[in-house]
Amino acid sequence: MTSPSFDAFYRAYRSEVAHALSLTLRDPWLGGEAADEAMVRAWERWRSVEKVSNPAGWVYRVGLNWARSRLRRRWREVLGDAPDTGRLAPMPGDVDVERALTELSVSHRAVVVLRYYSDWRLKISLLL
């Protein structure tokens, strides 16, 4: 049984978090999986997560950490082969932005994605 407040939170933020993770990770499938995994973890701990100042930021961070761990495991299994990071279709007029994002580290890319694609102004400082 789920909490009514978690249900509302999930409906309000799941897509936004998945989109932000997809852009940060440059992989729509992995971003969606990371968002889902993080939402499950939020649901399991909802009594404490709902009390943090930025539950969506908590979910984003958990999803990013989960995805990075998964990528590290995948890299170790392949032993040196670069992972297929996929490619998001650029938004109209954003080809230069997408190119610039590929040159940033994951941490810096996360800040740019959260600020300019998800409009998380003050929330970013709570994540990093």
Protein backbone atom coordinates (compact mmCIF):
# COMPACT_ATOMS: atom_id res chain seq x y z
CA MET A 1 0.00 0.00 0.00
CA THR A 2 1.38 3.39 -0.92
CA SER A 3 1.10 6.67 0.88
CA PRO A 4 -1.13 9.30 -0.75
CA SER A 5 1.72 11.81 -0.41
CA PHE A 6 4.15 9.45 -2.17
CA ASP A 7 1.65 8.83 -4.97
CA ALA A 8 1.34 12.58 -5.55
CA PHE A 9 5.12 13.01 -5.38
CA TYR A 10 5.64 10.21 -7.90
CA ARG A 11 3.13 11.68 -10.35
CA ALA A 12 4.63 15.15 -9.98
CA TYR A 13 8.33 14.27 -10.27
CA ARG A 14 8.97 10.90 -11.90
CA SER A 15 9.05 12.23 -15.48
CA GLU A 16 11.13 15.28 -14.57
CA VAL A 17 13.71 13.20 -12.70
CA ALA A 18 13.86 10.62 -15.50
CA HIS A 19 14.39 13.34 -18.10
CA ALA A 20 17.12 15.02 -16.05
CA LEU A 21 18.88 11.68 -15.48
CA SER A 22 18.56 10.76 -19.17
CA LEU A 23 20.22 14.01 -20.19
CA THR A 24 22.89 13.78 -17.51
CA LEU A 25 23.74 10.16 -18.35
CA ARG A 26 23.21 10.65 -22.11
CA ASP A 27 21.13 7.47 -22.16
CA PRO A 28 17.32 7.58 -22.09
CA TRP A 29 16.94 3.93 -21.10
CA LEU A 30 19.43 4.17 -18.24
CA GLY A 31 17.91 7.47 -17.10
CA GLY A 32 14.46 5.90 -16.90
CA GLU A 33 15.78 2.84 -15.09
CA ALA A 34 17.69 5.03 -12.64
CA ALA A 35 14.60 7.13 -11.95
CA ASP A 36 12.51 4.01 -11.35
CA GLU A 37 15.10 2.47 -9.04
CA ALA A 38 15.40 5.71 -7.09
CA MET A 39 11.62 6.04 -6.81
CA VAL A 40 11.43 2.51 -5.37
CA ARG A 41 14.07 3.43 -2.81
CA ALA A 42 12.20 6.65 -1.99
CA TRP A 43 8.97 4.69 -1.50
CA GLU A 44 10.76 2.23 0.82
CA ARG A 45 12.05 5.14 2.93
CA TRP A 46 9.22 7.61 2.34
CA ARG A 47 8.74 8.55 6.01
CA SER A 48 12.24 10.02 6.09
CA VAL A 49 12.54 11.08 2.42
CA GLU A 50 9.39 13.22 2.54
CA LYS A 51 11.00 15.22 5.35
CA VAL A 52 14.16 16.19 3.46
CA SER A 53 14.20 19.71 2.07
CA ASN A 54 14.25 18.49 -1.55
CA PRO A 55 12.80 14.99 -2.06
CA ALA A 56 13.10 15.26 -5.87
CA GLY A 57 16.77 16.15 -5.45
CA TRP A 58 17.20 13.14 -3.17
CA VAL A 59 15.64 10.90 -5.83
CA TYR A 60 17.82 12.43 -8.55
CA ARG A 61 21.01 11.87 -6.51
CA VAL A 62 20.05 8.27 -5.64
CA GLY A 63 19.25 7.57 -9.30
CA LEU A 64 22.53 9.09 -10.46
CA ASN A 65 24.52 7.10 -7.91
CA TRP A 66 22.70 3.89 -8.89
CA ALA A 67 23.38 4.48 -12.60
CA ARG A 68 27.04 5.28 -12.04
CA SER A 69 27.46 2.07 -10.02
CA ARG A 70 25.74 0.10 -12.76
CA LEU A 71 28.02 1.64 -15.41
CA ARG A 72 31.13 0.85 -13.35
CA ARG A 73 30.01 -2.78 -13.02
CA ARG A 74 29.33 -2.96 -16.75
CA TRP A 75 32.77 -1.49 -17.56
CA ARG A 76 34.49 -4.00 -15.27
CA GLU A 77 32.65 -6.88 -16.95
CA VAL A 78 33.65 -5.74 -20.41
CA LEU A 79 37.23 -4.94 -19.33
CA GLY A 80 38.14 -1.90 -21.28
CA ASP A 81 35.43 -1.61 -23.89
CA ALA A 82 33.73 1.76 -23.75
CA PRO A 83 30.04 1.52 -22.84
CA ASP A 84 27.39 2.46 -25.36
CA THR A 85 26.08 5.64 -23.78
CA GLY A 86 23.34 6.04 -26.35
CA ARG A 87 22.32 9.33 -27.84
CA LEU A 88 19.41 11.53 -27.02
CA ALA A 89 17.76 13.19 -29.94
CA PRO A 90 18.70 16.85 -29.72
CA MET A 91 15.96 19.28 -28.95
CA PRO A 92 15.30 21.71 -31.79
CA GLY A 93 18.18 24.17 -31.90
CA ASP A 94 20.15 22.38 -29.20
CA VAL A 95 22.77 20.56 -31.29
CA ASP A 96 25.50 22.85 -29.95
CA VAL A 97 24.26 22.39 -26.40
CA GLU A 98 24.28 18.61 -26.77
CA ARG A 99 27.82 18.72 -28.16
CA ALA A 100 28.93 20.93 -25.26
CA LEU A 101 27.31 18.57 -22.74
CA THR A 102 29.33 15.64 -24.07
CA GLU A 103 32.53 17.48 -23.20
CA LEU A 104 31.61 17.94 -19.53
CA SER A 105 32.17 15.53 -16.67
CA VAL A 106 29.05 13.83 -15.33
CA SER A 107 29.03 16.12 -12.28
CA HIS A 108 29.24 19.30 -14.34
CA ARG A 109 26.74 17.94 -16.87
CA ALA A 110 24.33 17.27 -13.99
CA VAL A 111 24.48 20.90 -12.87
CA VAL A 112 23.82 22.19 -16.40
CA VAL A 113 20.97 19.74 -17.03
CA LEU A 114 19.28 20.45 -13.71
CA ARG A 115 19.62 24.22 -14.08
CA TYR A 116 18.70 24.70 -17.72
CA TYR A 117 16.54 21.71 -18.61
CA SER A 118 14.74 21.13 -15.32
CA ASP A 119 14.89 24.72 -14.01
CA TRP A 120 16.16 23.65 -10.59
CA ARG A 121 17.69 26.93 -9.41
CA LEU A 122 18.27 26.61 -5.68
CA LYS A 123 17.76 22.86 -5.62
CA ILE A 124 21.13 22.31 -7.30
CA SER A 125 23.06 23.62 -4.31
CA LEU A 126 21.27 21.08 -2.12
CA LEU A 127 22.43 18.22 -4.33
CA LEU A 128 26.09 19.04 -4.73
